[in-house]
């Protein structure tokens, strides 16, 4: 294993441990048919973050936050526990 790869694995391991201990409210929109991000992998990653709430939607594409302010409104409401 080359040293760069080993270093990246150590950093990733620390990141995963940190995310698993997260104490900050986190929300995320996961686009069902995202052309850039695999939905299943996004959900696996989200599950690794303690307290992360996901909103899986097929109503928006990858640029949903930019395309429609309602996406950000929904995420803010989720973070506040209102949705």
Protein backbone atom coordinates (compact mmCIF):
# COMPACT_ATOMS: atom_id res chain seq x y z
CA UNK A 1 0.00 0.00 0.00
CA UNK A 2 1.52 3.34 -0.96
CA UNK A 3 1.94 6.02 1.69
CA UNK A 4 -0.53 8.44 0.10
CA UNK A 5 -3.28 5.84 0.11
CA UNK A 6 -2.47 4.87 3.70
CA UNK A 7 -2.57 8.52 4.78
CA UNK A 8 -5.93 9.03 3.11
CA UNK A 9 -7.34 5.96 4.86
CA UNK A 10 -6.17 7.28 8.24
CA UNK A 11 -7.79 10.66 7.56
CA UNK A 12 -11.00 9.00 6.35
CA UNK A 13 -11.08 6.82 9.47
CA UNK A 14 -10.78 9.86 11.72
CA UNK A 15 -13.47 11.64 9.74
CA UNK A 16 -15.88 8.72 10.08
CA UNK A 17 -15.26 8.53 13.83
CA UNK A 18 -15.88 12.27 14.11
CA UNK A 19 -19.08 12.14 12.08
CA UNK A 20 -20.35 9.22 14.15
CA UNK A 21 -19.93 11.38 17.26
CA UNK A 22 -21.60 14.43 15.72
CA UNK A 23 -23.74 16.53 18.08
CA UNK A 24 -24.84 19.22 15.62
CA UNK A 25 -28.22 18.96 13.88
CA UNK A 26 -27.67 18.03 10.23
CA UNK A 27 -30.14 17.65 7.38
CA UNK A 28 -29.62 16.63 3.78
CA UNK A 29 -31.65 16.39 0.62
CA UNK A 30 -31.01 13.21 -1.35
CA UNK A 31 -32.27 13.35 -4.90
CA UNK A 32 -33.73 10.00 -5.87
CA UNK A 33 -32.48 10.05 -9.46
CA UNK A 34 -29.38 12.23 -9.03
CA UNK A 35 -27.16 11.94 -12.09
CA UNK A 36 -23.99 12.71 -10.08
CA UNK A 37 -24.49 11.09 -6.67
CA UNK A 38 -25.51 7.48 -6.13
CA UNK A 39 -28.60 7.52 -3.90
CA UNK A 40 -27.75 4.32 -2.03
CA UNK A 41 -24.20 5.48 -1.31
CA UNK A 42 -25.51 8.86 -0.17
CA UNK A 43 -27.85 7.13 2.28
CA UNK A 44 -25.08 4.85 3.57
CA UNK A 45 -22.91 7.91 4.13
CA UNK A 46 -25.79 9.76 5.81
CA UNK A 47 -26.30 6.82 8.16
CA UNK A 48 -22.70 7.24 9.32
CA UNK A 49 -23.42 10.76 10.58
CA UNK A 50 -25.03 10.78 13.99
CA UNK A 51 -28.27 12.74 14.02
CA UNK A 52 -28.41 13.38 10.29
CA UNK A 53 -31.95 13.51 8.90
CA UNK A 54 -32.42 12.88 5.21
CA UNK A 55 -35.13 13.97 2.85
CA UNK A 56 -35.24 11.69 -0.18
CA UNK A 57 -37.11 13.33 -3.03
CA UNK A 58 -37.72 12.71 -6.69
CA UNK A 59 -39.11 16.21 -7.19
CA UNK A 60 -35.71 17.84 -7.72
CA UNK A 61 -32.46 17.17 -9.51
CA UNK A 62 -28.88 17.59 -8.31
CA UNK A 63 -29.21 21.39 -8.29
CA UNK A 64 -32.44 21.50 -6.29
CA UNK A 65 -31.22 24.02 -3.71
CA UNK A 66 -30.22 26.42 -6.46
CA UNK A 67 -33.25 25.74 -8.65
CA UNK A 68 -35.99 26.20 -6.06
CA UNK A 69 -35.90 28.07 -2.75
CA UNK A 70 -38.50 25.62 -1.43
CA UNK A 71 -35.74 23.02 -1.08
CA UNK A 72 -33.77 25.21 1.31
CA UNK A 73 -36.98 26.14 3.14
CA UNK A 74 -37.71 22.43 3.65
CA UNK A 75 -34.18 21.72 4.91
CA UNK A 76 -34.32 24.64 7.34
CA UNK A 77 -37.71 23.46 8.61
CA UNK A 78 -36.28 19.96 9.07
CA UNK A 79 -33.33 21.34 11.03
CA UNK A 80 -35.75 23.21 13.28
CA UNK A 81 -37.85 20.09 13.79
CA UNK A 82 -40.81 21.60 11.93
CA UNK A 83 -40.91 19.10 9.07
